[in-house]
């Protein structure tokens, strides 16, 4: 019986790119590292994982916590 999730060089590359981005490496740096001419090619290697979702939520909450709204004015 064959496994559905076959490990290939492409799947390892995809996983590595995802881990780099989850670790906070800028997408443009990942693009340079992988040698892609287009950022769109690099973006195909990324996807939303639980870790990236939690990181995004934490960053958004941190940003929103820095704002104070009083009577319609943002401080």
PDB file of N, CA and C in Angstrom:
ATOM      1  N   UNK A   1       0.837  -1.184   0.000  1.00  0.00           N
ATOM      2  CA  UNK A   1       0.000   0.000   0.000  1.00  0.00           C
ATOM      3  C   UNK A   1       0.881   1.247   0.000  1.00  0.00           C
ATOM      4  N   UNK A   2       0.604   2.178  -0.903  1.00  0.00           N
ATOM      5  CA  UNK A   2       1.384   3.413  -1.008  1.00  0.00           C
ATOM      6  C   UNK A   2       0.802   4.494  -0.115  1.00  0.00           C
ATOM      7  N   UNK A   3       1.689   5.274   0.436  1.00  0.00           N
ATOM      8  CA  UNK A   3       1.280   6.412   1.254  1.00  0.00           C
ATOM      9  C   UNK A   3       0.806   7.547   0.355  1.00  0.00           C
ATOM     10  N   UNK A   4      -0.226   8.266   0.796  1.00  0.00           N
ATOM     11  CA  UNK A   4      -0.709   9.421   0.058  1.00  0.00           C
ATOM     12  C   UNK A   4       0.328  10.540   0.071  1.00  0.00           C
ATOM     13  N   UNK A   5       1.030  10.694   1.183  1.00  0.00           N
ATOM     14  CA  UNK A   5       1.989  11.777   1.355  1.00  0.00           C
ATOM     15  C   UNK A   5       3.397  11.302   1.022  1.00  0.00           C
ATOM     16  N   UNK A   6       3.678  11.219  -0.240  1.00  0.00           N
ATOM     17  CA  UNK A   6       4.992  10.795  -0.708  1.00  0.00           C
ATOM     18  C   UNK A   6       5.995  11.916  -0.459  1.00  0.00           C
ATOM     19  N   UNK A   7       7.134  11.590   0.120  1.00  0.00           N
ATOM     20  CA  UNK A   7       8.170  12.586   0.375  1.00  0.00           C
ATOM     21  C   UNK A   7       9.030  12.725  -0.872  1.00  0.00           C
ATOM     22  N   UNK A   8       9.084  13.953  -1.382  1.00  0.00           N
ATOM     23  CA  UNK A   8       9.836  14.252  -2.595  1.00  0.00           C
ATOM     24  C   UNK A   8      10.739  15.444  -2.321  1.00  0.00           C
ATOM     25  N   UNK A   9      11.712  15.702  -3.186  1.00  0.00           N
ATOM     26  CA  UNK A   9      12.520  16.917  -3.017  1.00  0.00           C
ATOM     27  C   UNK A   9      11.648  18.174  -2.988  1.00  0.00           C
ATOM     28  N   UNK A  10      10.603  18.199  -3.801  1.00  0.00           N
ATOM     29  CA  UNK A  10       9.711  19.358  -3.819  1.00  0.00           C
ATOM     30  C   UNK A  10       8.990  19.520  -2.481  1.00  0.00           C
ATOM     31  N   UNK A  11       8.519  18.417  -1.893  1.00  0.00           N
ATOM     32  CA  UNK A  11       7.813  18.528  -0.608  1.00  0.00           C
ATOM     33  C   UNK A  11       8.764  18.979   0.499  1.00  0.00           C
ATOM     34  N   UNK A  12      10.020  18.543   0.445  1.00  0.00           N
ATOM     35  CA  UNK A  12      11.004  18.997   1.426  1.00  0.00           C
ATOM     36  C   UNK A  12      11.300  20.483   1.250  1.00  0.00           C
ATOM     37  N   UNK A  13      11.409  20.929   0.017  1.00  0.00           N
ATOM     38  CA  UNK A  13      11.648  22.342  -0.285  1.00  0.00           C
ATOM     39  C   UNK A  13      10.475  23.189   0.212  1.00  0.00           C
ATOM     40  N   UNK A  14       9.269  22.726  -0.049  1.00  0.00           N
ATOM     41  CA  UNK A  14       8.057  23.420   0.385  1.00  0.00           C
ATOM     42  C   UNK A  14       8.026  23.520   1.913  1.00  0.00           C
ATOM     43  N   UNK A  15       8.312  22.429   2.587  1.00  0.00           N
ATOM     44  CA  UNK A  15       8.310  22.417   4.057  1.00  0.00           C
ATOM     45  C   UNK A  15       9.380  23.359   4.602  1.00  0.00           C
ATOM     46  N   UNK A  16      10.556  23.355   3.997  1.00  0.00           N
ATOM     47  CA  UNK A  16      11.639  24.230   4.452  1.00  0.00           C
ATOM     48  C   UNK A  16      11.255  25.696   4.298  1.00  0.00           C
ATOM     49  N   UNK A  17      10.672  26.054   3.154  1.00  0.00           N
ATOM     50  CA  UNK A  17      10.235  27.437   2.938  1.00  0.00           C
ATOM     51  C   UNK A  17       9.185  27.833   3.968  1.00  0.00           C
ATOM     52  N   UNK A  18       8.259  26.951   4.248  1.00  0.00           N
ATOM     53  CA  UNK A  18       7.219  27.229   5.244  1.00  0.00           C
ATOM     54  C   UNK A  18       7.838  27.454   6.615  1.00  0.00           C
ATOM     55  N   UNK A  19       8.788  26.610   6.992  1.00  0.00           N
ATOM     56  CA  UNK A  19       9.443  26.757   8.305  1.00  0.00           C
ATOM     57  C   UNK A  19      10.242  28.054   8.384  1.00  0.00           C
ATOM     58  N   UNK A  20      10.893  28.448   7.294  1.00  0.00           N
ATOM     59  CA  UNK A  20      11.617  29.717   7.294  1.00  0.00           C
ATOM     60  C   UNK A  20      10.674  30.881   7.554  1.00  0.00           C
ATOM     61  N   UNK A  21       9.541  30.868   6.872  1.00  0.00           N
ATOM     62  CA  UNK A  21       8.577  31.958   7.029  1.00  0.00           C
ATOM     63  C   UNK A  21       7.963  31.936   8.423  1.00  0.00           C
ATOM     64  N   UNK A  22       7.654  30.752   8.941  1.00  0.00           N
ATOM     65  CA  UNK A  22       7.133  30.642  10.304  1.00  0.00           C
ATOM     66  C   UNK A  22       8.132  31.158  11.325  1.00  0.00           C
ATOM     67  N   UNK A  23       9.413  31.026  11.020  1.00  0.00           N
ATOM     68  CA  UNK A  23      10.457  31.484  11.936  1.00  0.00           C
ATOM     69  C   UNK A  23      10.675  32.991  11.827  1.00  0.00           C
ATOM     70  N   UNK A  24       9.957  33.638  10.909  1.00  0.00           N
ATOM     71  CA  UNK A  24      10.047  35.083  10.794  1.00  0.00           C
ATOM     72  C   UNK A  24      10.955  35.587   9.697  1.00  0.00           C
ATOM     73  N   UNK A  25      11.475  34.688   8.864  1.00  0.00           N
ATOM     74  CA  UNK A  25      12.325  35.119   7.752  1.00  0.00           C
ATOM     75  C   UNK A  25      11.440  35.819   6.728  1.00  0.00           C
ATOM     76  N   UNK A  26      11.855  36.988   6.286  1.00  0.00           N
ATOM     77  CA  UNK A  26      11.101  37.784   5.325  1.00  0.00           C
ATOM     78  C   UNK A  26      10.946  37.026   4.014  1.00  0.00           C
ATOM     79  N   UNK A  27       9.774  37.152   3.402  1.00  0.00           N
ATOM     80  CA  UNK A  27       9.491  36.443   2.154  1.00  0.00           C
ATOM     81  C   UNK A  27      10.479  36.811   1.054  1.00  0.00           C
ATOM     82  N   UNK A  28      10.936  38.067   1.024  1.00  0.00           N
ATOM     83  CA  UNK A  28      11.917  38.475   0.015  1.00  0.00           C
ATOM     84  C   UNK A  28      13.259  37.776   0.229  1.00  0.00           C
ATOM     85  N   UNK A  29      13.618  37.535   1.485  1.00  0.00           N
ATOM     86  CA  UNK A  29      14.855  36.796   1.763  1.00  0.00           C
ATOM     87  C   UNK A  29      14.710  35.343   1.341  1.00  0.00           C
ATOM     88  N   UNK A  30      13.546  34.760   1.564  1.00  0.00           N
ATOM     89  CA  UNK A  30      13.292  33.380   1.131  1.00  0.00           C
ATOM     90  C   UNK A  30      13.365  33.322  -0.395  1.00  0.00           C
ATOM     91  N   UNK A  31      12.822  34.329  -1.066  1.00  0.00           N
ATOM     92  CA  UNK A  31      12.881  34.400  -2.522  1.00  0.00           C
ATOM     93  C   UNK A  31      14.329  34.374  -3.005  1.00  0.00           C
ATOM     94  N   UNK A  32      15.169  35.192  -2.383  1.00  0.00           N
ATOM     95  CA  UNK A  32      16.587  35.231  -2.772  1.00  0.00           C
ATOM     96  C   UNK A  32      17.266  33.888  -2.508  1.00  0.00           C
ATOM     97  N   UNK A  33      16.997  33.311  -1.346  1.00  0.00           N
ATOM     98  CA  UNK A  33      17.622  32.043  -0.961  1.00  0.00           C
ATOM     99  C   UNK A  33      17.261  30.927  -1.946  1.00  0.00           C
ATOM    100  N   UNK A  34      15.998  30.909  -2.374  1.00  0.00           N
ATOM    101  CA  UNK A  34      15.545  29.858  -3.282  1.00  0.00           C
ATOM    102  C   UNK A  34      15.855  30.167  -4.744  1.00  0.00           C
ATOM    103  N   UNK A  35      16.294  31.418  -5.017  1.00  0.00           N
ATOM    104  CA  UNK A  35      16.681  31.780  -6.368  1.00  0.00           C
ATOM    105  C   UNK A  35      15.524  32.047  -7.310  1.00  0.00           C
ATOM    106  N   UNK A  36      14.390  32.424  -6.760  1.00  0.00           N
ATOM    107  CA  UNK A  36      13.232  32.711  -7.605  1.00  0.00           C
ATOM    108  C   UNK A  36      13.321  34.122  -8.174  1.00  0.00           C
ATOM    109  N   UNK A  37      12.994  34.263  -9.447  1.00  0.00           N
ATOM    110  CA  UNK A  37      12.950  35.597 -10.052  1.00  0.00           C
ATOM    111  C   UNK A  37      11.703  36.355  -9.601  1.00  0.00           C
ATOM    112  N   UNK A  38      10.611  35.643  -9.446  1.00  0.00           N
ATOM    113  CA  UNK A  38       9.338  36.266  -9.094  1.00  0.00           C
ATOM    114  C   UNK A  38       8.948  35.904  -7.659  1.00  0.00           C
ATOM    115  N   UNK A  39       8.452  36.888  -6.913  1.00  0.00           N
ATOM    116  CA  UNK A  39       7.964  36.638  -5.557  1.00  0.00           C
ATOM    117  C   UNK A  39       6.738  35.726  -5.594  1.00  0.00           C
ATOM    118  N   UNK A  40       6.019  35.724  -6.713  1.00  0.00           N
ATOM    119  CA  UNK A  40       4.849  34.856  -6.840  1.00  0.00           C
ATOM    120  C   UNK A  40       5.244  33.380  -6.812  1.00  0.00           C
ATOM    121  N   UNK A  41       6.404  33.077  -7.360  1.00  0.00           N
ATOM    122  CA  UNK A  41       6.894  31.697  -7.304  1.00  0.00           C
ATOM    123  C   UNK A  41       7.167  31.299  -5.860  1.00  0.00           C
ATOM    124  N   UNK A  42       7.775  32.196  -5.098  1.00  0.00           N
ATOM    125  CA  UNK A  42       8.065  31.926  -3.690  1.00  0.00           C
ATOM    126  C   UNK A  42       6.779  31.793  -2.898  1.00  0.00           C
ATOM    127  N   UNK A  43       5.807  32.622  -3.193  1.00  0.00           N
ATOM    128  CA  UNK A  43       4.540  32.596  -2.463  1.00  0.00           C
ATOM    129  C   UNK A  43       3.828  31.251  -2.612  1.00  0.00           C
ATOM    130  N   UNK A  44       4.074  30.547  -3.700  1.00  0.00           N
ATOM    131  CA  UNK A  44       3.447  29.227  -3.873  1.00  0.00           C
ATOM    132  C   UNK A  44       3.952  28.212  -2.853  1.00  0.00           C
ATOM    133  N   UNK A  45       5.131  28.443  -2.310  1.00  0.00           N
ATOM    134  CA  UNK A  45       5.691  27.525  -1.325  1.00  0.00           C
ATOM    135  C   UNK A  45       5.137  27.762   0.072  1.00  0.00           C
ATOM    136  N   UNK A  46       4.386  28.814   0.224  1.00  0.00           N
ATOM    137  CA  UNK A  46       3.872  29.157   1.553  1.00  0.00           C
ATOM    138  C   UNK A  46       2.395  28.810   1.636  1.00  0.00           C
ATOM    139  N   UNK A  47       1.959  28.549   2.850  1.00  0.00           N
ATOM    140  CA  UNK A  47       0.549  28.303   3.106  1.00  0.00           C
ATOM    141  C   UNK A  47       0.302  28.587   4.577  1.00  0.00           C
ATOM    142  N   UNK A  48      -0.949  28.773   4.918  1.00  0.00           N
ATOM    143  CA  UNK A  48      -1.297  29.103   6.290  1.00  0.00           C
ATOM    144  C   UNK A  48      -1.316  27.834   7.143  1.00  0.00           C
ATOM    145  N   UNK A  49      -0.394  27.751   8.082  1.00  0.00           N
ATOM    146  CA  UNK A  49      -0.374  26.644   9.024  1.00  0.00           C
ATOM    147  C   UNK A  49      -0.903  27.164  10.353  1.00  0.00           C
ATOM    148  N   UNK A  50      -1.113  26.281  11.291  1.00  0.00           N
ATOM    149  CA  UNK A  50      -1.566  26.707  12.612  1.00  0.00           C
ATOM    150  C   UNK A  50      -0.582  27.695  13.231  1.00  0.00           C
ATOM    151  N   UNK A  51       0.704  27.431  13.064  1.00  0.00           N
ATOM    152  CA  UNK A  51       1.727  28.309  13.640  1.00  0.00           C
ATOM    153  C   UNK A  51       1.673  29.703  13.027  1.00  0.00           C
ATOM    154  N   UNK A  52       1.572  29.795  11.699  1.00  0.00           N
ATOM    155  CA  UNK A  52       1.523  31.107  11.069  1.00  0.00           C
ATOM    156  C   UNK A  52       0.226  31.821  11.408  1.00  0.00           C
ATOM    157  N   UNK A  53      -0.857  31.072  11.549  1.00  0.00           N
ATOM    158  CA  UNK A  53      -2.131  31.681  11.925  1.00  0.00           C
ATOM    159  C   UNK A  53      -2.034  32.283  13.316  1.00  0.00           C
ATOM    160  N   UNK A  54      -1.454  31.534  14.263  1.00  0.00           N
ATOM    161  CA  UNK A  54      -1.292  32.048  15.631  1.00  0.00           C
ATOM    162  C   UNK A  54      -0.359  33.263  15.651  1.00  0.00           C
ATOM    163  N   UNK A  55       0.727  33.205  14.886  1.00  0.00           N
ATOM    164  CA  UNK A  55       1.648  34.346  14.820  1.00  0.00           C
ATOM    165  C   UNK A  55       0.944  35.581  14.279  1.00  0.00           C
ATOM    166  N   UNK A  56       0.131  35.400  13.242  1.00  0.00           N
ATOM    167  CA  UNK A  56      -0.592  36.533  12.662  1.00  0.00           C
ATOM    168  C   UNK A  56      -1.567  37.118  13.671  1.00  0.00           C
ATOM    169  N   UNK A  57      -2.301  36.266  14.361  1.00  0.00           N
ATOM    170  CA  UNK A  57      -3.255  36.736  15.364  1.00  0.00           C
ATOM    171  C   UNK A  57      -2.537  37.494  16.472  1.00  0.00           C
ATOM    172  N   UNK A  58      -1.408  36.966  16.932  1.00  0.00           N
ATOM    173  CA  UNK A  58      -0.638  37.644  17.985  1.00  0.00           C
ATOM    174  C   UNK A  58      -0.155  39.015  17.526  1.00  0.00           C
ATOM    175  N   UNK A  59       0.338  39.094  16.291  1.00  0.00           N
ATOM    176  CA  UNK A  59       0.826  40.385  15.767  1.00  0.00           C
ATOM    177  C   UNK A  59      -0.312  41.387  15.609  1.00  0.00           C
ATOM    178  N   UNK A  60      -1.439  40.924  15.096  1.00  0.00           N
ATOM    179  CA  UNK A  60      -2.593  41.815  14.930  1.00  0.00           C
ATOM    180  C   UNK A  60      -3.085  42.305  16.288  1.00  0.00           C
ATOM    181  N   UNK A  61      -3.200  41.387  17.252  1.00  0.00           N
ATOM    182  CA  UNK A  61      -3.642  41.783  18.593  1.00  0.00           C
ATOM    183  C   UNK A  61      -2.658  42.754  19.236  1.00  0.00           C
ATOM    184  N   UNK A  62      -1.370  42.517  19.054  1.00  0.00           N
ATOM    185  CA  UNK A  62      -0.357  43.422  19.599  1.00  0.00           C
ATOM    186  C   UNK A  62      -0.473  44.810  19.000  1.00  0.00           C
ATOM    187  N   UNK A  63      -0.716  44.864  17.702  1.00  0.00           N
ATOM    188  CA  UNK A  63      -0.884  46.153  17.037  1.00  0.00           C
ATOM    189  C   UNK A  63      -2.150  46.851  17.527  1.00  0.00           C
ATOM    190  N   UNK A  64      -3.234  46.122  17.608  1.00  0.00           N
ATOM    191  CA  UNK A  64      -4.500  46.722  18.029  1.00  0.00           C
ATOM    192  C   UNK A  64      -4.453  47.155  19.491  1.00  0.00           C
ATOM    193  N   UNK A  65      -3.718  46.440  20.335  1.00  0.00           N
ATOM    194  CA  UNK A  65      -3.597  46.803  21.745  1.00  0.00           C
ATOM    195  C   UNK A  65      -2.860  48.121  21.932  1.00  0.00           C
ATOM    196  N   UNK A  66      -2.091  48.526  20.917  1.00  0.00           N
ATOM    197  CA  UNK A  66      -1.334  49.766  21.039  1.00  0.00           C
ATOM    198  C   UNK A  66      -2.192  51.000  20.745  1.00  0.00           C
ATOM    199  N   UNK A  67      -3.409  50.801  20.271  1.00  0.00           N
ATOM    200  CA  UNK A  67      -4.309  51.911  19.982  1.00  0.00           C
ATOM    201  C   UNK A  67      -5.278  52.130  21.135  1.00  0.00           C
ATOM    202  N   UNK A  68      -5.617  53.393  21.340  1.00  0.00           N
ATOM    203  CA  UNK A  68      -6.633  53.748  22.307  1.00  0.00           C
ATOM    204  C   UNK A  68      -7.673  54.591  21.585  1.00  0.00           C
ATOM    205  N   UNK A  69      -8.922  54.201  21.699  1.00  0.00           N
ATOM    206  CA  UNK A  69      -9.985  54.955  21.062  1.00  0.00           C
ATOM    207  C   UNK A  69     -10.841  55.595  22.142  1.00  0.00           C
ATOM    208  N   UNK A  70     -10.944  56.925  22.085  1.00  0.00           N
ATOM    209  CA  UNK A  70     -11.795  57.648  23.042  1.00  0.00           C
ATOM    210  C   UNK A  70     -12.682  58.593  22.265  1.00  0.00           C
ATOM    211  N   UNK A  71     -13.967  58.452  22.405  1.00  0.00           N
ATOM    212  CA  UNK A  71     -14.958  59.303  21.784  1.00  0.00           C
ATOM    213  C   UNK A  71     -14.662  59.565  20.322  1.00  0.00           C
ATOM    214  N   UNK A  72     -14.373  58.492  19.597  1.00  0.00           N
ATOM    215  CA  UNK A  72     -14.192  58.615  18.170  1.00  0.00           C
ATOM    216  C   UNK A  72     -12.823  59.071  17.717  1.00  0.00           C
ATOM    217  N   UNK A  73     -11.899  59.311  18.658  1.00  0.00           N
ATOM    218  CA  UNK A  73     -10.548  59.725  18.289  1.00  0.00           C
ATOM    219  C   UNK A  73      -9.573  58.595  18.580  1.00  0.00           C
ATOM    220  N   UNK A  74      -8.641  58.400  17.673  1.00  0.00           N
ATOM    221  CA  UNK A  74      -7.609  57.377  17.856  1.00  0.00           C
ATOM    222  C   UNK A  74      -6.375  58.057  18.419  1.00  0.00           C
ATOM    223  N   UNK A  75      -5.834  57.474  19.477  1.00  0.00           N
ATOM    224  CA  UNK A  75      -4.602  58.018  20.062  1.00  0.00           C
ATOM    225  C   UNK A  75      -3.473  57.053  19.880  1.00  0.00           C
TER     226      UNK A  75
END
